[in-house]
PDB file of N, CA and C in Angstrom:
ATOM      1  N   MET A   1     -97.504  77.540  20.081  1.00  0.00           N
ATOM      2  CA  MET A   1     -96.249  76.845  19.900  1.00  0.00           C
ATOM      3  C   MET A   1     -96.359  75.509  20.606  1.00  0.00           C
ATOM      4  N   LEU A   2     -95.719  74.513  20.065  1.00  0.00           N
ATOM      5  CA  LEU A   2     -95.779  73.163  20.611  1.00  0.00           C
ATOM      6  C   LEU A   2     -94.390  72.710  21.053  1.00  0.00           C
ATOM      7  N   ILE A   3     -94.334  71.965  22.150  1.00  0.00           N
ATOM      8  CA  ILE A   3     -93.083  71.397  22.647  1.00  0.00           C
ATOM      9  C   ILE A   3     -93.232  69.877  22.633  1.00  0.00           C
ATOM     10  N   LEU A   4     -92.310  69.208  21.967  1.00  0.00           N
ATOM     11  CA  LEU A   4     -92.316  67.756  21.867  1.00  0.00           C
ATOM     12  C   LEU A   4     -91.583  67.167  23.075  1.00  0.00           C
ATOM     13  N   THR A   5     -92.257  66.269  23.802  1.00  0.00           N
ATOM     14  CA  THR A   5     -91.591  65.639  24.948  1.00  0.00           C
ATOM     15  C   THR A   5     -91.211  64.191  24.678  1.00  0.00           C
ATOM     16  N   SER A   6     -91.882  63.560  23.721  1.00  0.00           N
ATOM     17  CA  SER A   6     -91.487  62.203  23.327  1.00  0.00           C
ATOM     18  C   SER A   6     -92.065  61.906  21.952  1.00  0.00           C
ATOM     19  N   GLY A   7     -91.457  60.944  21.276  1.00  0.00           N
ATOM     20  CA  GLY A   7     -91.919  60.560  19.959  1.00  0.00           C
ATOM     21  C   GLY A   7     -91.035  61.131  18.867  1.00  0.00           C
ATOM     22  N   VAL A   8     -91.384  60.779  17.617  1.00  0.00           N
ATOM     23  CA  VAL A   8     -90.595  61.215  16.465  1.00  0.00           C
ATOM     24  C   VAL A   8     -91.532  61.733  15.377  1.00  0.00           C
ATOM     25  N   PRO A   9     -91.755  63.039  15.340  1.00  0.00           N
ATOM     26  CA  PRO A   9     -92.489  63.624  14.218  1.00  0.00           C
ATOM     27  C   PRO A   9     -91.526  64.014  13.099  1.00  0.00           C
ATOM     28  N   ALA A  10     -92.062  64.115  11.901  1.00  0.00           N
ATOM     29  CA  ALA A  10     -91.278  64.576  10.749  1.00  0.00           C
ATOM     30  C   ALA A  10     -91.936  65.827  10.195  1.00  0.00           C
ATOM     31  N   ALA A  11     -91.121  66.789   9.807  1.00  0.00           N
ATOM     32  CA  ALA A  11     -91.605  67.996   9.147  1.00  0.00           C
ATOM     33  C   ALA A  11     -91.554  67.749   7.652  1.00  0.00           C
ATOM     34  N   LEU A  12     -92.671  67.957   6.988  1.00  0.00           N
ATOM     35  CA  LEU A  12     -92.786  67.734   5.556  1.00  0.00           C
ATOM     36  C   LEU A  12     -93.037  69.065   4.867  1.00  0.00           C
ATOM     37  N   GLN A  13     -92.494  69.212   3.675  1.00  0.00           N
ATOM     38  CA  GLN A  13     -92.691  70.429   2.910  1.00  0.00           C
ATOM     39  C   GLN A  13     -93.168  70.048   1.517  1.00  0.00           C
ATOM     40  N   LEU A  14     -94.163  70.761   1.031  1.00  0.00           N
ATOM     41  CA  LEU A  14     -94.692  70.503  -0.303  1.00  0.00           C
ATOM     42  C   LEU A  14     -93.729  71.055  -1.337  1.00  0.00           C
ATOM     43  N   HIS A  15     -93.347  70.212  -2.303  1.00  0.00           N
ATOM     44  CA  HIS A  15     -92.438  70.622  -3.379  1.00  0.00           C
ATOM     45  C   HIS A  15     -92.846  69.904  -4.649  1.00  0.00           C
ATOM     46  N   ASP A  16     -93.186  70.665  -5.655  1.00  0.00           N
ATOM     47  CA  ASP A  16     -93.602  70.121  -6.954  1.00  0.00           C
ATOM     48  C   ASP A  16     -94.701  69.074  -6.821  1.00  0.00           C
ATOM     49  N   GLY A  17     -95.665  69.344  -5.954  1.00  0.00           N
ATOM     50  CA  GLY A  17     -96.819  68.471  -5.817  1.00  0.00           C
ATOM     51  C   GLY A  17     -96.647  67.273  -4.906  1.00  0.00           C
ATOM     52  N   SER A  18     -95.469  67.099  -4.310  1.00  0.00           N
ATOM     53  CA  SER A  18     -95.295  65.983  -3.384  1.00  0.00           C
ATOM     54  C   SER A  18     -94.666  66.480  -2.090  1.00  0.00           C
ATOM     55  N   GLU A  19     -94.915  65.751  -1.028  1.00  0.00           N
ATOM     56  CA  GLU A  19     -94.360  66.126   0.262  1.00  0.00           C
ATOM     57  C   GLU A  19     -92.986  65.502   0.443  1.00  0.00           C
ATOM     58  N   THR A  20     -92.037  66.308   0.904  1.00  0.00           N
ATOM     59  CA  THR A  20     -90.674  65.864   1.128  1.00  0.00           C
ATOM     60  C   THR A  20     -90.331  66.079   2.595  1.00  0.00           C
ATOM     61  N   GLU A  21     -89.782  65.052   3.216  1.00  0.00           N
ATOM     62  CA  GLU A  21     -89.350  65.206   4.602  1.00  0.00           C
ATOM     63  C   GLU A  21     -88.106  66.078   4.636  1.00  0.00           C
ATOM     64  N   VAL A  22     -88.160  67.131   5.439  1.00  0.00           N
ATOM     65  CA  VAL A  22     -87.020  68.041   5.540  1.00  0.00           C
ATOM     66  C   VAL A  22     -86.381  68.012   6.918  1.00  0.00           C
ATOM     67  N   LEU A  23     -87.083  67.430   7.894  1.00  0.00           N
ATOM     68  CA  LEU A  23     -86.552  67.458   9.251  1.00  0.00           C
ATOM     69  C   LEU A  23     -87.281  66.442  10.104  1.00  0.00           C
ATOM     70  N   ARG A  24     -86.527  65.747  10.939  1.00  0.00           N
ATOM     71  CA  ARG A  24     -87.122  64.900  11.974  1.00  0.00           C
ATOM     72  C   ARG A  24     -86.913  65.596  13.303  1.00  0.00           C
ATOM     73  N   LEU A  25     -87.939  65.560  14.107  1.00  0.00           N
ATOM     74  CA  LEU A  25     -87.893  66.229  15.397  1.00  0.00           C
ATOM     75  C   LEU A  25     -87.666  65.215  16.504  1.00  0.00           C
ATOM     76  N   ALA A  26     -87.098  65.694  17.602  1.00  0.00           N
ATOM     77  CA  ALA A  26     -86.799  64.827  18.746  1.00  0.00           C
ATOM     78  C   ALA A  26     -87.290  65.492  20.019  1.00  0.00           C
ATOM     79  N   SER A  27     -87.281  64.734  21.071  1.00  0.00           N
ATOM     80  CA  SER A  27     -87.713  65.237  22.375  1.00  0.00           C
ATOM     81  C   SER A  27     -87.013  66.552  22.701  1.00  0.00           C
ATOM     82  N   GLY A  28     -87.792  67.539  23.111  1.00  0.00           N
ATOM     83  CA  GLY A  28     -87.255  68.857  23.438  1.00  0.00           C
ATOM     84  C   GLY A  28     -87.382  69.865  22.311  1.00  0.00           C
ATOM     85  N   ASP A  29     -87.664  69.398  21.097  1.00  0.00           N
ATOM     86  CA  ASP A  29     -87.820  70.320  19.969  1.00  0.00           C
ATOM     87  C   ASP A  29     -89.152  71.048  20.061  1.00  0.00           C
ATOM     88  N   CYS A  30     -89.205  72.208  19.432  1.00  0.00           N
ATOM     89  CA  CYS A  30     -90.446  72.971  19.399  1.00  0.00           C
ATOM     90  C   CYS A  30     -90.965  73.034  17.964  1.00  0.00           C
ATOM     91  N   LEU A  31     -92.265  73.214  17.841  1.00  0.00           N
ATOM     92  CA  LEU A  31     -92.940  73.288  16.552  1.00  0.00           C
ATOM     93  C   LEU A  31     -93.899  74.468  16.580  1.00  0.00           C
ATOM     94  N   GLY A  32     -94.197  75.008  15.438  1.00  0.00           N
ATOM     95  CA  GLY A  32     -95.200  76.051  15.340  1.00  0.00           C
ATOM     96  C   GLY A  32     -94.754  77.422  15.799  1.00  0.00           C
ATOM     97  N   GLN A  33     -93.468  77.571  16.094  1.00  0.00           N
ATOM     98  CA  GLN A  33     -93.013  78.867  16.582  1.00  0.00           C
ATOM     99  C   GLN A  33     -93.027  79.929  15.492  1.00  0.00           C
ATOM    100  N   ALA A  34     -92.930  79.533  14.235  1.00  0.00           N
ATOM    101  CA  ALA A  34     -92.944  80.518  13.152  1.00  0.00           C
ATOM    102  C   ALA A  34     -94.258  81.283  13.147  1.00  0.00           C
ATOM    103  N   SER A  35     -95.348  80.574  13.269  1.00  0.00           N
ATOM    104  CA  SER A  35     -96.653  81.229  13.268  1.00  0.00           C
ATOM    105  C   SER A  35     -96.831  82.115  14.486  1.00  0.00           C
ATOM    106  N   VAL A  36     -96.396  81.629  15.623  1.00  0.00           N
ATOM    107  CA  VAL A  36     -96.552  82.388  16.861  1.00  0.00           C
ATOM    108  C   VAL A  36     -95.663  83.622  16.873  1.00  0.00           C
ATOM    109  N   LEU A  37     -94.412  83.480  16.444  1.00  0.00           N
ATOM    110  CA  LEU A  37     -93.453  84.575  16.554  1.00  0.00           C
ATOM    111  C   LEU A  37     -93.552  85.589  15.426  1.00  0.00           C
ATOM    112  N   THR A  38     -93.938  85.155  14.231  1.00  0.00           N
ATOM    113  CA  THR A  38     -93.933  86.068  13.089  1.00  0.00           C
ATOM    114  C   THR A  38     -95.321  86.312  12.506  1.00  0.00           C
ATOM    115  N   GLY A  39     -96.291  85.496  12.888  1.00  0.00           N
ATOM    116  CA  GLY A  39     -97.623  85.627  12.320  1.00  0.00           C
ATOM    117  C   GLY A  39     -97.741  85.025  10.930  1.00  0.00           C
ATOM    118  N   ALA A  40     -96.649  84.445  10.442  1.00  0.00           N
ATOM    119  CA  ALA A  40     -96.640  83.841   9.104  1.00  0.00           C
ATOM    120  C   ALA A  40     -97.339  82.483   9.143  1.00  0.00           C
ATOM    121  N   PRO A  41     -97.910  82.085   8.030  1.00  0.00           N
ATOM    122  CA  PRO A  41     -98.517  80.748   7.995  1.00  0.00           C
ATOM    123  C   PRO A  41     -97.437  79.674   8.080  1.00  0.00           C
ATOM    124  N   ALA A  42     -97.831  78.514   8.542  1.00  0.00           N
ATOM    125  CA  ALA A  42     -96.891  77.396   8.662  1.00  0.00           C
ATOM    126  C   ALA A  42     -96.355  77.024   7.282  1.00  0.00           C
ATOM    127  N   THR A  43     -95.052  76.735   7.209  1.00  0.00           N
ATOM    128  CA  THR A  43     -94.445  76.331   5.940  1.00  0.00           C
ATOM    129  C   THR A  43     -94.203  74.831   5.892  1.00  0.00           C
ATOM    130  N   PHE A  44     -94.397  74.166   7.018  1.00  0.00           N
ATOM    131  CA  PHE A  44     -94.189  72.729   7.108  1.00  0.00           C
ATOM    132  C   PHE A  44     -95.459  72.061   7.592  1.00  0.00           C
ATOM    133  N   LYS A  45     -95.647  70.843   7.171  1.00  0.00           N
ATOM    134  CA  LYS A  45     -96.684  69.983   7.720  1.00  0.00           C
ATOM    135  C   LYS A  45     -95.943  68.993   8.605  1.00  0.00           C
ATOM    136  N   VAL A  46     -96.441  68.766   9.807  1.00  0.00           N
ATOM    137  CA  VAL A  46     -95.771  67.847  10.718  1.00  0.00           C
ATOM    138  C   VAL A  46     -96.646  66.620  10.897  1.00  0.00           C
ATOM    139  N   THR A  47     -96.033  65.456  10.769  1.00  0.00           N
ATOM    140  CA  THR A  47     -96.741  64.204  10.961  1.00  0.00           C
ATOM    141  C   THR A  47     -95.946  63.325  11.921  1.00  0.00           C
ATOM    142  N   ALA A  48     -96.642  62.630  12.796  1.00  0.00           N
ATOM    143  CA  ALA A  48     -95.977  61.775  13.775  1.00  0.00           C
ATOM    144  C   ALA A  48     -95.600  60.446  13.132  1.00  0.00           C
ATOM    145  N   LEU A  49     -94.333  60.068  13.260  1.00  0.00           N
ATOM    146  CA  LEU A  49     -93.864  58.772  12.770  1.00  0.00           C
ATOM    147  C   LEU A  49     -94.015  57.712  13.844  1.00  0.00           C
ATOM    148  N   THR A  50     -94.063  58.156  15.096  1.00  0.00           N
ATOM    149  CA  THR A  50     -94.308  57.274  16.238  1.00  0.00           C
ATOM    150  C   THR A  50     -95.297  57.988  17.146  1.00  0.00           C
ATOM    151  N   LYS A  51     -95.775  57.284  18.152  1.00  0.00           N
ATOM    152  CA  LYS A  51     -96.636  57.922  19.144  1.00  0.00           C
ATOM    153  C   LYS A  51     -95.855  59.075  19.765  1.00  0.00           C
ATOM    154  N   ALA A  52     -96.506  60.233  19.888  1.00  0.00           N
ATOM    155  CA  ALA A  52     -95.804  61.418  20.381  1.00  0.00           C
ATOM    156  C   ALA A  52     -96.629  62.103  21.471  1.00  0.00           C
ATOM    157  N   VAL A  53     -95.920  62.750  22.388  1.00  0.00           N
ATOM    158  CA  VAL A  53     -96.553  63.579  23.404  1.00  0.00           C
ATOM    159  C   VAL A  53     -96.077  65.007  23.175  1.00  0.00           C
ATOM    160  N   ILE A  54     -97.037  65.889  22.950  1.00  0.00           N
ATOM    161  CA  ILE A  54     -96.734  67.273  22.614  1.00  0.00           C
ATOM    162  C   ILE A  54     -97.577  68.184  23.501  1.00  0.00           C
ATOM    163  N   TYR A  55     -96.933  69.233  24.030  1.00  0.00           N
ATOM    164  CA  TYR A  55     -97.634  70.215  24.849  1.00  0.00           C
ATOM    165  C   TYR A  55     -97.735  71.525  24.083  1.00  0.00           C
ATOM    166  N   GLU A  56     -98.871  72.190  24.240  1.00  0.00           N
ATOM    167  CA  GLU A  56     -99.095  73.461  23.560  1.00  0.00           C
ATOM    168  C   GLU A  56     -98.891  74.620  24.521  1.00  0.00           C
ATOM    169  N   ILE A  57     -98.198  75.641  24.031  1.00  0.00           N
ATOM    170  CA  ILE A  57     -98.063  76.894  24.767  1.00  0.00           C
ATOM    171  C   ILE A  57     -98.763  77.950  23.921  1.00  0.00           C
ATOM    172  N   ALA A  58     -99.864  78.468  24.419  1.00  0.00           N
ATOM    173  CA  ALA A  58    -100.628  79.472  23.687  1.00  0.00           C
ATOM    174  C   ALA A  58     -99.841  80.775  23.600  1.00  0.00           C
ATOM    175  N   LYS A  59    -100.122  81.553  22.564  1.00  0.00           N
ATOM    176  CA  LYS A  59     -99.444  82.829  22.365  1.00  0.00           C
ATOM    177  C   LYS A  59     -99.594  83.719  23.599  1.00  0.00           C
ATOM    178  N   ALA A  60    -100.769  83.737  24.177  1.00  0.00           N
ATOM    179  CA  ALA A  60    -101.011  84.567  25.367  1.00  0.00           C
ATOM    180  C   ALA A  60    -100.140  84.135  26.542  1.00  0.00           C
ATOM    181  N   ASP A  61     -99.837  82.848  26.625  1.00  0.00           N
ATOM    182  CA  ASP A  61     -98.981  82.345  27.700  1.00  0.00           C
ATOM    183  C   ASP A  61     -97.499  82.546  27.386  1.00  0.00           C
ATOM    184  N   LEU A  62     -97.160  82.572  26.110  1.00  0.00           N
ATOM    185  CA  LEU A  62     -95.774  82.738  25.697  1.00  0.00           C
ATOM    186  C   LEU A  62     -95.312  84.199  25.808  1.00  0.00           C
ATOM    187  N   THR A  63     -96.223  85.127  25.613  1.00  0.00           N
ATOM    188  CA  THR A  63     -95.881  86.555  25.620  1.00  0.00           C
ATOM    189  C   THR A  63     -95.150  86.999  26.880  1.00  0.00           C
ATOM    190  N   PRO A  64     -95.665  86.706  28.098  1.00  0.00           N
ATOM    191  CA  PRO A  64     -94.935  87.162  29.293  1.00  0.00           C
ATOM    192  C   PRO A  64     -93.564  86.489  29.448  1.00  0.00           C
ATOM    193  N   ILE A  65     -93.445  85.273  28.957  1.00  0.00           N
ATOM    194  CA  ILE A  65     -92.156  84.577  29.032  1.00  0.00           C
ATOM    195  C   ILE A  65     -91.134  85.286  28.147  1.00  0.00           C
ATOM    196  N   LEU A  66     -91.537  85.621  26.929  1.00  0.00           N
ATOM    197  CA  LEU A  66     -90.630  86.293  26.002  1.00  0.00           C
ATOM    198  C   LEU A  66     -90.294  87.707  26.468  1.00  0.00           C
ATOM    199  N   LYS A  67     -91.236  88.370  27.109  1.00  0.00           N
ATOM    200  CA  LYS A  67     -90.958  89.703  27.655  1.00  0.00           C
ATOM    201  C   LYS A  67     -89.948  89.624  28.791  1.00  0.00           C
ATOM    202  N   ALA A  68     -90.081  88.606  29.620  1.00  0.00           N
ATOM    203  CA  ALA A  68     -89.178  88.453  30.761  1.00  0.00           C
ATOM    204  C   ALA A  68     -87.808  87.926  30.347  1.00  0.00           C
ATOM    205  N   ARG A  69     -87.771  87.123  29.285  1.00  0.00           N
ATOM    206  CA  ARG A  69     -86.513  86.508  28.837  1.00  0.00           C
ATOM    207  C   ARG A  69     -86.365  86.657  27.327  1.00  0.00           C
ATOM    208  N   PRO A  70     -85.973  87.828  26.852  1.00  0.00           N
ATOM    209  CA  PRO A  70     -85.839  88.065  25.403  1.00  0.00           C
ATOM    210  C   PRO A  70     -84.864  87.113  24.710  1.00  0.00           C
ATOM    211  N   ALA A  71     -83.933  86.545  25.436  1.00  0.00           N
ATOM    212  CA  ALA A  71     -82.979  85.607  24.835  1.00  0.00           C
ATOM    213  C   ALA A  71     -83.699  84.380  24.280  1.00  0.00           C
ATOM    214  N   ILE A  72     -84.816  84.021  24.868  1.00  0.00           N
ATOM    215  CA  ILE A  72     -85.585  82.878  24.364  1.00  0.00           C
ATOM    216  C   ILE A  72     -86.096  83.189  22.960  1.00  0.00           C
ATOM    217  N   ALA A  73     -86.562  84.410  22.742  1.00  0.00           N
ATOM    218  CA  ALA A  73     -87.034  84.803  21.408  1.00  0.00           C
ATOM    219  C   ALA A  73     -85.900  84.720  20.396  1.00  0.00           C
ATOM    220  N   MET A  74     -84.707  85.129  20.817  1.00  0.00           N
ATOM    221  CA  MET A  74     -83.553  85.051  19.910  1.00  0.00           C
ATOM    222  C   MET A  74     -83.236  83.605  19.564  1.00  0.00           C
ATOM    223  N   GLU A  75     -83.277  82.710  20.538  1.00  0.00           N
ATOM    224  CA  GLU A  75     -83.012  81.291  20.277  1.00  0.00           C
ATOM    225  C   GLU A  75     -84.065  80.706  19.351  1.00  0.00           C
ATOM    226  N   LEU A  76     -85.325  81.061  19.576  1.00  0.00           N
ATOM    227  CA  LEU A  76     -86.388  80.572  18.707  1.00  0.00           C
ATOM    228  C   LEU A  76     -86.213  81.108  17.289  1.00  0.00           C
ATOM    229  N   GLY A  77     -85.767  82.345  17.161  1.00  0.00           N
ATOM    230  CA  GLY A  77     -85.481  82.913  15.844  1.00  0.00           C
ATOM    231  C   GLY A  77     -84.381  82.161  15.129  1.00  0.00           C
ATOM    232  N   GLN A  78     -83.354  81.744  15.875  1.00  0.00           N
ATOM    233  CA  GLN A  78     -82.264  80.969  15.279  1.00  0.00           C
ATOM    234  C   GLN A  78     -82.763  79.615  14.799  1.00  0.00           C
ATOM    235  N   ILE A  79     -83.624  78.982  15.583  1.00  0.00           N
ATOM    236  CA  ILE A  79     -84.201  77.696  15.182  1.00  0.00           C
ATOM    237  C   ILE A  79     -85.013  77.874  13.902  1.00  0.00           C
ATOM    238  N   LEU A  80     -85.816  78.944  13.855  1.00  0.00           N
ATOM    239  CA  LEU A  80     -86.604  79.226  12.651  1.00  0.00           C
ATOM    240  C   LEU A  80     -85.720  79.376  11.425  1.00  0.00           C
ATOM    241  N   ALA A  81     -84.650  80.128  11.573  1.00  0.00           N
ATOM    242  CA  ALA A  81     -83.744  80.365  10.446  1.00  0.00           C
ATOM    243  C   ALA A  81     -83.102  79.066   9.972  1.00  0.00           C
ATOM    244  N   MET A  82     -82.675  78.226  10.897  1.00  0.00           N
ATOM    245  CA  MET A  82     -82.052  76.945  10.517  1.00  0.00           C
ATOM    246  C   MET A  82     -83.045  76.049   9.805  1.00  0.00           C
ATOM    247  N   ARG A  83     -84.274  75.990  10.292  1.00  0.00           N
ATOM    248  CA  ARG A  83     -85.274  75.131   9.660  1.00  0.00           C
ATOM    249  C   ARG A  83     -85.650  75.642   8.283  1.00  0.00           C
ATOM    250  N   GLU A  84     -85.762  76.947   8.151  1.00  0.00           N
ATOM    251  CA  GLU A  84     -86.081  77.527   6.842  1.00  0.00           C
ATOM    252  C   GLU A  84     -84.965  77.216   5.846  1.00  0.00           C
ATOM    253  N   ALA A  85     -83.727  77.357   6.282  1.00  0.00           N
ATOM    254  CA  ALA A  85     -82.582  77.061   5.416  1.00  0.00           C
ATOM    255  C   ALA A  85     -82.565  75.588   5.033  1.00  0.00           C
ATOM    256  N   ALA A  86     -82.882  74.705   5.981  1.00  0.00           N
ATOM    257  CA  ALA A  86     -82.907  73.267   5.694  1.00  0.00           C
ATOM    258  C   ALA A  86     -83.967  72.951   4.647  1.00  0.00           C
ATOM    259  N   GLY A  87     -85.126  73.564   4.769  1.00  0.00           N
ATOM    260  CA  GLY A  87     -86.190  73.339   3.799  1.00  0.00           C
ATOM    261  C   GLY A  87     -85.814  73.820   2.416  1.00  0.00           C
ATOM    262  N   ARG A  88     -85.213  75.003   2.341  1.00  0.00           N
ATOM    263  CA  ARG A  88     -84.787  75.531   1.043  1.00  0.00           C
ATOM    264  C   ARG A  88     -83.686  74.678   0.442  1.00  0.00           C
ATOM    265  N   SER A  89     -82.742  74.259   1.259  1.00  0.00           N
ATOM    266  CA  SER A  89     -81.626  73.450   0.786  1.00  0.00           C
ATOM    267  C   SER A  89     -82.122  72.124   0.211  1.00  0.00           C
ATOM    268  N   ARG A  90     -83.026  71.495   0.934  1.00  0.00           N
ATOM    269  CA  ARG A  90     -83.576  70.212   0.489  1.00  0.00           C
ATOM    270  C   ARG A  90     -84.337  70.378  -0.820  1.00  0.00           C
ATOM    271  N   ALA A  91     -85.168  71.401  -0.907  1.00  0.00           N
ATOM    272  CA  ALA A  91     -85.942  71.641  -2.129  1.00  0.00           C
ATOM    273  C   ALA A  91     -85.017  71.952  -3.297  1.00  0.00           C
ATOM    274  N   ASP A  92     -83.972  72.738  -3.062  1.00  0.00           N
ATOM    275  CA  ASP A  92     -83.013  73.067  -4.119  1.00  0.00           C
ATOM    276  C   ASP A  92     -82.286  71.816  -4.601  1.00  0.00           C
ATOM    277  N   ALA A  93     -81.919  70.932  -3.665  1.00  0.00           N
ATOM    278  CA  ALA A  93     -81.210  69.704  -4.032  1.00  0.00           C
ATOM    279  C   ALA A  93     -82.087  68.816  -4.904  1.00  0.00           C
ATOM    280  N   ILE A  94     -83.361  68.717  -4.563  1.00  0.00           N
ATOM    281  CA  ILE A  94     -84.274  67.894  -5.356  1.00  0.00           C
ATOM    282  C   ILE A  94     -84.439  68.500  -6.747  1.00  0.00           C
ATOM    283  N   SER A  95     -84.638  69.814  -6.799  1.00  0.00           N
ATOM    284  CA  SER A  95     -84.801  70.476  -8.102  1.00  0.00           C
ATOM    285  C   SER A  95     -83.555  70.316  -8.949  1.00  0.00           C
ATOM    286  N   GLU A  96     -82.385  70.471  -8.359  1.00  0.00           N
ATOM    287  CA  GLU A  96     -81.124  70.356  -9.094  1.00  0.00           C
ATOM    288  C   GLU A  96     -80.942  68.931  -9.620  1.00  0.00           C
ATOM    289  N   ALA A  97     -81.263  67.942  -8.796  1.00  0.00           N
ATOM    290  CA  ALA A  97     -81.124  66.547  -9.230  1.00  0.00           C
ATOM    291  C   ALA A  97     -82.077  66.246 -10.380  1.00  0.00           C
ATOM    292  N   ASP A  98     -83.268  66.816 -10.345  1.00  0.00           N
ATOM    293  CA  ASP A  98     -84.243  66.571 -11.406  1.00  0.00           C
ATOM    294  C   ASP A  98     -83.836  67.209 -12.726  1.00  0.00           C
ATOM    295  N   LYS A  99     -82.973  68.220 -12.690  1.00  0.00           N
ATOM    296  CA  LYS A  99     -82.522  68.872 -13.915  1.00  0.00           C
ATOM    297  C   LYS A  99     -81.552  67.987 -14.697  1.00  0.00           C
ATOM    298  N   HIS A 100     -80.902  67.046 -14.033  1.00  0.00           N
ATOM    299  CA  HIS A 100     -79.834  66.267 -14.649  1.00  0.00           C
ATOM    300  C   HIS A 100     -80.221  64.803 -14.820  1.00  0.00           C
ATOM    301  N   GLY A 101     -81.345  64.526 -15.371  1.00  0.00           N
ATOM    302  CA  GLY A 101     -81.730  63.149 -15.609  1.00  0.00           C
ATOM    303  C   GLY A 101     -83.200  62.944 -15.319  1.00  0.00           C
ATOM    304  N   PRO A 102     -83.590  61.678 -15.144  1.00  0.00           N
ATOM    305  CA  PRO A 102     -85.005  61.398 -14.909  1.00  0.00           C
ATOM    306  C   PRO A 102     -85.470  62.051 -13.614  1.00  0.00           C
ATOM    307  N   ASN A 103     -86.762  62.263 -13.535  1.00  0.00           N
ATOM    308  CA  ASN A 103     -87.275  62.919 -12.335  1.00  0.00           C
ATOM    309  C   ASN A 103     -87.132  62.022 -11.105  1.00  0.00           C
ATOM    310  N   LEU A 104     -87.351  62.596  -9.964  1.00  0.00           N
ATOM    311  CA  LEU A 104     -87.132  61.897  -8.700  1.00  0.00           C
ATOM    312  C   LEU A 104     -87.947  60.605  -8.611  1.00  0.00           C
ATOM    313  N   ALA A 105     -89.212  60.651  -8.976  1.00  0.00           N
ATOM    314  CA  ALA A 105     -90.049  59.453  -8.889  1.00  0.00           C
ATOM    315  C   ALA A 105     -89.498  58.329  -9.751  1.00  0.00           C
ATOM    316  N   ALA A 106     -89.049  58.659 -10.944  1.00  0.00           N
ATOM    317  CA  ALA A 106     -88.490  57.643 -11.839  1.00  0.00           C
ATOM    318  C   ALA A 106     -87.201  57.077 -11.260  1.00  0.00           C
ATOM    319  N   ARG A 107     -86.344  57.936 -10.703  1.00  0.00           N
ATOM    320  CA  ARG A 107     -85.092  57.453 -10.109  1.00  0.00           C
ATOM    321  C   ARG A 107     -85.368  56.535  -8.927  1.00  0.00           C
ATOM    322  N   LEU A 108     -86.326  56.910  -8.098  1.00  0.00           N
ATOM    323  CA  LEU A 108     -86.652  56.062  -6.945  1.00  0.00           C
ATOM    324  C   LEU A 108     -87.236  54.727  -7.392  1.00  0.00           C
ATOM    325  N   THR A 109     -88.088  54.767  -8.400  1.00  0.00           N
ATOM    326  CA  THR A 109     -88.661  53.527  -8.931  1.00  0.00           C
ATOM    327  C   THR A 109     -87.559  52.620  -9.463  1.00  0.00           C
ATOM    328  N   ASP A 110     -86.620  53.183 -10.191  1.00  0.00           N
ATOM    329  CA  ASP A 110     -85.503  52.402 -10.714  1.00  0.00           C
ATOM    330  C   ASP A 110     -84.679  51.784  -9.580  1.00  0.00           C
ATOM    331  N   ARG A 111     -84.437  52.550  -8.533  1.00  0.00           N
ATOM    332  CA  ARG A 111     -83.675  52.031  -7.392  1.00  0.00           C
ATOM    333  C   ARG A 111     -84.418  50.892  -6.699  1.00  0.00           C
ATOM    334  N   MET A 112     -85.763  51.031  -6.577  1.00  0.00           N
ATOM    335  CA  MET A 112     -86.545  49.954  -5.961  1.00  0.00           C
ATOM    336  C   MET A 112     -86.508  48.697  -6.815  1.00  0.00           C
ATOM    337  N   LYS A 113     -86.566  48.845  -8.130  1.00  0.00           N
ATOM    338  CA  LYS A 113     -86.504  47.685  -9.016  1.00  0.00           C
ATOM    339  C   LYS A 113     -85.186  46.947  -8.833  1.00  0.00           C
ATOM    340  N   ILE A 114     -84.104  47.675  -8.735  1.00  0.00           N
ATOM    341  CA  ILE A 114     -82.788  47.055  -8.518  1.00  0.00           C
ATOM    342  C   ILE A 114     -82.743  46.377  -7.157  1.00  0.00           C
ATOM    343  N   LEU A 115     -83.187  47.073  -6.118  1.00  0.00           N
ATOM    344  CA  LEU A 115     -83.146  46.544  -4.755  1.00  0.00           C
ATOM    345  C   LEU A 115     -83.945  45.258  -4.616  1.00  0.00           C
ATOM    346  N   PHE A 116     -85.124  45.214  -5.248  1.00  0.00           N
ATOM    347  CA  PHE A 116     -85.993  44.048  -5.100  1.00  0.00           C
ATOM    348  C   PHE A 116     -85.890  43.066  -6.265  1.00  0.00           C
ATOM    349  N   GLY A 117     -84.968  43.330  -7.196  1.00  0.00           N
ATOM    350  CA  GLY A 117     -84.769  42.417  -8.306  1.00  0.00           C
ATOM    351  C   GLY A 117     -85.970  42.350  -9.238  1.00  0.00           C
ATOM    352  N   LEU A 118     -86.643  43.468  -9.432  1.00  0.00           N
ATOM    353  CA  LEU A 118     -87.822  43.525 -10.292  1.00  0.00           C
ATOM    354  C   LEU A 118     -87.404  43.884 -11.718  1.00  0.00           C
ATOM    355  N   GLU A 119     -88.128  43.396 -12.666  1.00  0.00           N
ATOM    356  CA  GLU A 119     -87.849  43.723 -14.081  1.00  0.00           C
ATOM    357  C   GLU A 119     -88.814  44.741 -14.571  1.00  0.00           C
TER     358      GLU A 119
END
């Protein structure tokens, strides 16, 4: 598990062949807890948008902490659930928008043409 102490990473999720930002992380946020707590593979790719300082807590080091303070595991579970819901919500919104008109790439291209006055 990783703890972010400074910087701004973004969590990206693969959807229909492209990566979509689903969450920006801030100082104090944790990453990688899904793999550590559930054994599941990571569902997000994290990339740093700015220089970041991140500390790693190995599973072997986390185990005695969680045994001594089970409430921490519950809080981490809540964070996992919120992030999973955010990822699903974002992916659903993109899919729903694509059902009602041009695909996302075309809509973004059209918006850029308007913004920059391109023909």
